[in-house]
Amino acid sequence: MDWQLEMLMILRTLLAASLGALIGWEREQHGQDAGVRTYAAVALGASSFGLISMHATAGNQIDTRIAAQVVSGIGFIGAGLIMREQGRATGLTTAATLWTTAAVGLAMAFGMYIVSTLTAVITFSILAAHHLPGWKKNVAKKHDHKEEEHGA
């Protein structure tokens, strides 16, 4: 057992879960169902699968099939979150950010610390920007304008 390698994998796993939790914290602060636990678990799982794919293969090659299945699996979960209510699609943001959070976990697993962190920060910023003053008014006006065009 290579303790140095094990400690590096533990660090990557903890960092991935922490970045996922940060994104989930933003969602939870604004009353969304998927929050800290969900996002941390997605990043943690993706990171763990990424680490497995790196170390469960022969030689120095990475088995990218595992990472590809993470992308597909999270896409499947995301598809289950998207619903249609009163003529509007809901759950799109949650599905998209869960998918992005899986990318954060995989990037961290592969040692892409900057890409992983930057992706998490950008995702957090996109979510937080929606709650800036004036944002909802502009979105509401756009929605009302569309209803008028369609005779609703």
C-alpha atoms as a PDB file:
ATOM      1  CA  MET A   1       0.000   0.000   0.000  1.00  0.00           C
ATOM      2  CA  ASP A   2       1.328   3.392  -1.026  1.00  0.00           C
ATOM      3  CA  TRP A   3       0.362   5.739   1.843  1.00  0.00           C
ATOM      4  CA  GLN A   4       1.369   8.861  -0.046  1.00  0.00           C
ATOM      5  CA  LEU A   5      -0.933   7.920  -2.926  1.00  0.00           C
ATOM      6  CA  GLU A   6      -3.735   7.047  -0.502  1.00  0.00           C
ATOM      7  CA  MET A   7      -3.418  10.443   1.213  1.00  0.00           C
ATOM      8  CA  LEU A   8      -3.529  12.197  -2.165  1.00  0.00           C
ATOM      9  CA  MET A   9      -6.709  10.305  -3.062  1.00  0.00           C
ATOM     10  CA  ILE A  10      -8.244  11.206   0.309  1.00  0.00           C
ATOM     11  CA  LEU A  11      -7.381  14.879  -0.276  1.00  0.00           C
ATOM     12  CA  ARG A  12      -8.945  14.845  -3.736  1.00  0.00           C
ATOM     13  CA  THR A  13     -12.064  13.140  -2.415  1.00  0.00           C
ATOM     14  CA  LEU A  14     -12.452  15.654   0.432  1.00  0.00           C
ATOM     15  CA  LEU A  15     -11.880  18.608  -1.877  1.00  0.00           C
ATOM     16  CA  ALA A  16     -14.431  17.297  -4.382  1.00  0.00           C
ATOM     17  CA  ALA A  17     -17.059  16.778  -1.676  1.00  0.00           C
ATOM     18  CA  SER A  18     -16.343  20.251  -0.264  1.00  0.00           C
ATOM     19  CA  LEU A  19     -16.751  21.936  -3.647  1.00  0.00           C
ATOM     20  CA  GLY A  20     -19.971  20.008  -4.252  1.00  0.00           C
ATOM     21  CA  ALA A  21     -21.215  21.041  -0.811  1.00  0.00           C
ATOM     22  CA  LEU A  22     -20.481  24.691  -1.642  1.00  0.00           C
ATOM     23  CA  ILE A  23     -22.688  24.498  -4.716  1.00  0.00           C
ATOM     24  CA  GLY A  24     -25.353  22.649  -2.734  1.00  0.00           C
ATOM     25  CA  TRP A  25     -25.200  25.251   0.023  1.00  0.00           C
ATOM     26  CA  GLU A  26     -26.138  27.958  -2.482  1.00  0.00           C
ATOM     27  CA  ARG A  27     -29.091  25.874  -3.689  1.00  0.00           C
ATOM     28  CA  GLU A  28     -30.212  25.110  -0.149  1.00  0.00           C
ATOM     29  CA  GLN A  29     -30.049  28.783   0.860  1.00  0.00           C
ATOM     30  CA  HIS A  30     -32.636  29.531  -1.783  1.00  0.00           C
ATOM     31  CA  GLY A  31     -35.073  26.768  -0.889  1.00  0.00           C
ATOM     32  CA  GLN A  32     -34.222  24.182  -3.521  1.00  0.00           C
ATOM     33  CA  ASP A  33     -34.830  20.514  -2.737  1.00  0.00           C
ATOM     34  CA  ALA A  34     -31.353  19.368  -3.776  1.00  0.00           C
ATOM     35  CA  GLY A  35     -28.883  20.938  -1.364  1.00  0.00           C
ATOM     36  CA  VAL A  36     -25.612  20.372   0.442  1.00  0.00           C
ATOM     37  CA  ARG A  37     -25.976  16.616   0.886  1.00  0.00           C
ATOM     38  CA  THR A  38     -27.069  15.938  -2.682  1.00  0.00           C
ATOM     39  CA  TYR A  39     -24.388  18.046  -4.342  1.00  0.00           C
ATOM     40  CA  ALA A  40     -21.633  16.853  -2.006  1.00  0.00           C
ATOM     41  CA  ALA A  41     -22.651  13.251  -2.671  1.00  0.00           C
ATOM     42  CA  VAL A  42     -22.608  13.752  -6.449  1.00  0.00           C
ATOM     43  CA  ALA A  43     -19.124  15.311  -6.360  1.00  0.00           C
ATOM     44  CA  LEU A  44     -17.893  12.679  -3.916  1.00  0.00           C
ATOM     45  CA  GLY A  45     -19.253   9.809  -5.993  1.00  0.00           C
ATOM     46  CA  ALA A  46     -17.879  11.202  -9.245  1.00  0.00           C
ATOM     47  CA  SER A  47     -14.498  11.730  -7.616  1.00  0.00           C
ATOM     48  CA  SER A  48     -14.456   8.223  -6.197  1.00  0.00           C
ATOM     49  CA  PHE A  49     -15.367   6.707  -9.551  1.00  0.00           C
ATOM     50  CA  GLY A  50     -12.671   8.811 -11.189  1.00  0.00           C
ATOM     51  CA  LEU A  51     -10.077   7.614  -8.686  1.00  0.00           C
ATOM     52  CA  ILE A  52     -11.166   4.029  -9.213  1.00  0.00           C
ATOM     53  CA  SER A  53     -10.841   4.404 -12.972  1.00  0.00           C
ATOM     54  CA  MET A  54      -7.315   5.750 -12.548  1.00  0.00           C
ATOM     55  CA  HIS A  55      -6.074   3.034 -10.221  1.00  0.00           C
ATOM     56  CA  ALA A  56      -8.006  -0.085 -11.144  1.00  0.00           C
ATOM     57  CA  THR A  57      -6.418  -0.416 -14.572  1.00  0.00           C
ATOM     58  CA  ALA A  58      -3.290  -2.083 -15.772  1.00  0.00           C
ATOM     59  CA  GLY A  59      -0.283   0.105 -16.459  1.00  0.00           C
ATOM     60  CA  ASN A  60      -0.539   3.856 -16.679  1.00  0.00           C
ATOM     61  CA  GLN A  61      -3.683   3.998 -18.782  1.00  0.00           C
ATOM     62  CA  ILE A  62      -6.902   5.438 -17.391  1.00  0.00           C
ATOM     63  CA  ASP A  63     -10.096   3.516 -18.052  1.00  0.00           C
ATOM     64  CA  THR A  64     -12.288   6.322 -19.369  1.00  0.00           C
ATOM     65  CA  ARG A  65     -15.333   4.040 -19.560  1.00  0.00           C
ATOM     66  CA  ILE A  66     -16.013   4.604 -15.858  1.00  0.00           C
ATOM     67  CA  ALA A  67     -15.914   8.404 -16.250  1.00  0.00           C
ATOM     68  CA  ALA A  68     -18.210   8.141 -19.282  1.00  0.00           C
ATOM     69  CA  GLN A  69     -20.693   6.147 -17.221  1.00  0.00           C
ATOM     70  CA  VAL A  70     -20.647   8.834 -14.509  1.00  0.00           C
ATOM     71  CA  VAL A  71     -21.637  11.407 -17.127  1.00  0.00           C
ATOM     72  CA  SER A  72     -24.421   9.155 -18.429  1.00  0.00           C
ATOM     73  CA  GLY A  73     -25.621   8.207 -14.948  1.00  0.00           C
ATOM     74  CA  ILE A  74     -25.874  11.786 -13.748  1.00  0.00           C
ATOM     75  CA  GLY A  75     -27.631  12.677 -16.992  1.00  0.00           C
ATOM     76  CA  PHE A  76     -30.173   9.955 -16.240  1.00  0.00           C
ATOM     77  CA  ILE A  77     -30.720  11.317 -12.722  1.00  0.00           C
ATOM     78  CA  GLY A  78     -31.026  14.834 -14.120  1.00  0.00           C
ATOM     79  CA  ALA A  79     -33.626  13.713 -16.659  1.00  0.00           C
ATOM     80  CA  GLY A  80     -35.730  12.425 -13.776  1.00  0.00           C
ATOM     81  CA  LEU A  81     -35.629  15.856 -12.143  1.00  0.00           C
ATOM     82  CA  ILE A  82     -37.063  17.735 -15.102  1.00  0.00           C
ATOM     83  CA  MET A  83     -40.828  18.126 -14.878  1.00  0.00           C
ATOM     84  CA  ARG A  84     -43.437  20.081 -16.742  1.00  0.00           C
ATOM     85  CA  GLU A  85     -45.713  22.208 -14.563  1.00  0.00           C
ATOM     86  CA  GLN A  86     -48.279  24.706 -15.791  1.00  0.00           C
ATOM     87  CA  GLY A  87     -46.707  24.865 -19.227  1.00  0.00           C
ATOM     88  CA  ARG A  88     -43.193  25.453 -17.850  1.00  0.00           C
ATOM     89  CA  ALA A  89     -40.268  23.098 -17.430  1.00  0.00           C
ATOM     90  CA  THR A  90     -38.906  22.880 -13.883  1.00  0.00           C
ATOM     91  CA  GLY A  91     -35.809  21.210 -12.537  1.00  0.00           C
ATOM     92  CA  LEU A  92     -33.565  22.202 -15.435  1.00  0.00           C
ATOM     93  CA  THR A  93     -31.163  24.183 -13.263  1.00  0.00           C
ATOM     94  CA  THR A  94     -30.916  21.407 -10.690  1.00  0.00           C
ATOM     95  CA  ALA A  95     -30.283  18.817 -13.406  1.00  0.00           C
ATOM     96  CA  ALA A  96     -27.645  20.978 -15.092  1.00  0.00           C
ATOM     97  CA  THR A  97     -25.837  21.884 -11.889  1.00  0.00           C
ATOM     98  CA  LEU A  98     -25.824  18.268 -10.665  1.00  0.00           C
ATOM     99  CA  TRP A  99     -24.263  17.286 -13.983  1.00  0.00           C
ATOM    100  CA  THR A 100     -21.698  20.080 -13.630  1.00  0.00           C
ATOM    101  CA  THR A 101     -20.978  19.034 -10.042  1.00  0.00           C
ATOM    102  CA  ALA A 102     -20.170  15.538 -11.294  1.00  0.00           C
ATOM    103  CA  ALA A 103     -17.619  17.174 -13.598  1.00  0.00           C
ATOM    104  CA  VAL A 104     -16.158  18.963 -10.562  1.00  0.00           C
ATOM    105  CA  GLY A 105     -15.704  15.597  -8.851  1.00  0.00           C
ATOM    106  CA  LEU A 106     -14.187  13.896 -11.877  1.00  0.00           C
ATOM    107  CA  ALA A 107     -11.795  16.781 -12.538  1.00  0.00           C
ATOM    108  CA  MET A 108     -10.653  16.690  -8.918  1.00  0.00           C
ATOM    109  CA  ALA A 109     -10.131  12.923  -9.127  1.00  0.00           C
ATOM    110  CA  PHE A 110      -7.886  13.374 -12.134  1.00  0.00           C
ATOM    111  CA  GLY A 111      -5.820  15.985 -10.288  1.00  0.00           C
ATOM    112  CA  MET A 112      -7.194  18.991 -12.149  1.00  0.00           C
ATOM    113  CA  TYR A 113      -7.393  21.151  -9.035  1.00  0.00           C
ATOM    114  CA  ILE A 114      -7.715  24.486 -10.823  1.00  0.00           C
ATOM    115  CA  VAL A 115     -10.280  23.290 -13.381  1.00  0.00           C
ATOM    116  CA  SER A 116     -12.324  21.606 -10.664  1.00  0.00           C
ATOM    117  CA  THR A 117     -12.250  24.611  -8.346  1.00  0.00           C
ATOM    118  CA  LEU A 118     -12.897  27.092 -11.142  1.00  0.00           C
ATOM    119  CA  THR A 119     -15.856  25.043 -12.394  1.00  0.00           C
ATOM    120  CA  ALA A 120     -17.324  24.981  -8.880  1.00  0.00           C
ATOM    121  CA  VAL A 121     -16.800  28.724  -8.382  1.00  0.00           C
ATOM    122  CA  ILE A 122     -18.339  29.562 -11.752  1.00  0.00           C
ATOM    123  CA  THR A 123     -21.312  27.281 -11.058  1.00  0.00           C
ATOM    124  CA  PHE A 124     -21.789  28.868  -7.632  1.00  0.00           C
ATOM    125  CA  SER A 125     -21.552  32.341  -9.203  1.00  0.00           C
ATOM    126  CA  ILE A 126     -24.105  31.538 -11.884  1.00  0.00           C
ATOM    127  CA  LEU A 127     -26.526  30.293  -9.250  1.00  0.00           C
ATOM    128  CA  ALA A 128     -25.878  33.252  -6.942  1.00  0.00           C
ATOM    129  CA  ALA A 129     -26.254  35.803  -9.770  1.00  0.00           C
ATOM    130  CA  HIS A 130     -29.863  34.720 -10.168  1.00  0.00           C
ATOM    131  CA  HIS A 131     -30.568  36.165  -6.730  1.00  0.00           C
ATOM    132  CA  LEU A 132     -29.071  39.595  -7.373  1.00  0.00           C
ATOM    133  CA  PRO A 133     -31.443  42.553  -7.012  1.00  0.00           C
ATOM    134  CA  GLY A 134     -33.414  43.166 -10.185  1.00  0.00           C
ATOM    135  CA  TRP A 135     -32.744  39.748 -11.714  1.00  0.00           C
ATOM    136  CA  LYS A 136     -36.135  38.258 -10.868  1.00  0.00           C
ATOM    137  CA  LYS A 137     -37.949  41.361 -12.055  1.00  0.00           C
ATOM    138  CA  ASN A 138     -36.287  41.084 -15.467  1.00  0.00           C
ATOM    139  CA  VAL A 139     -37.063  37.369 -15.689  1.00  0.00           C
ATOM    140  CA  ALA A 140     -40.684  37.955 -14.619  1.00  0.00           C
ATOM    141  CA  LYS A 141     -41.112  40.698 -17.230  1.00  0.00           C
ATOM    142  CA  LYS A 142     -39.723  38.423 -19.934  1.00  0.00           C
ATOM    143  CA  HIS A 143     -42.090  35.622 -18.860  1.00  0.00           C
ATOM    144  CA  ASP A 144     -45.123  37.952 -18.775  1.00  0.00           C
ATOM    145  CA  HIS A 145     -44.205  39.279 -22.226  1.00  0.00           C
ATOM    146  CA  LYS A 146     -44.098  35.730 -23.628  1.00  0.00           C
ATOM    147  CA  GLU A 147     -47.548  34.970 -22.163  1.00  0.00           C
ATOM    148  CA  GLU A 148     -48.967  38.094 -23.832  1.00  0.00           C
ATOM    149  CA  GLU A 149     -47.513  37.009 -27.178  1.00  0.00           C
ATOM    150  CA  HIS A 150     -49.147  33.597 -26.893  1.00  0.00           C
ATOM    151  CA  GLY A 151     -52.520  34.956 -25.801  1.00  0.00           C
ATOM    152  CA  ALA A 152     -52.375  33.498 -22.295  1.00  0.00           C
END
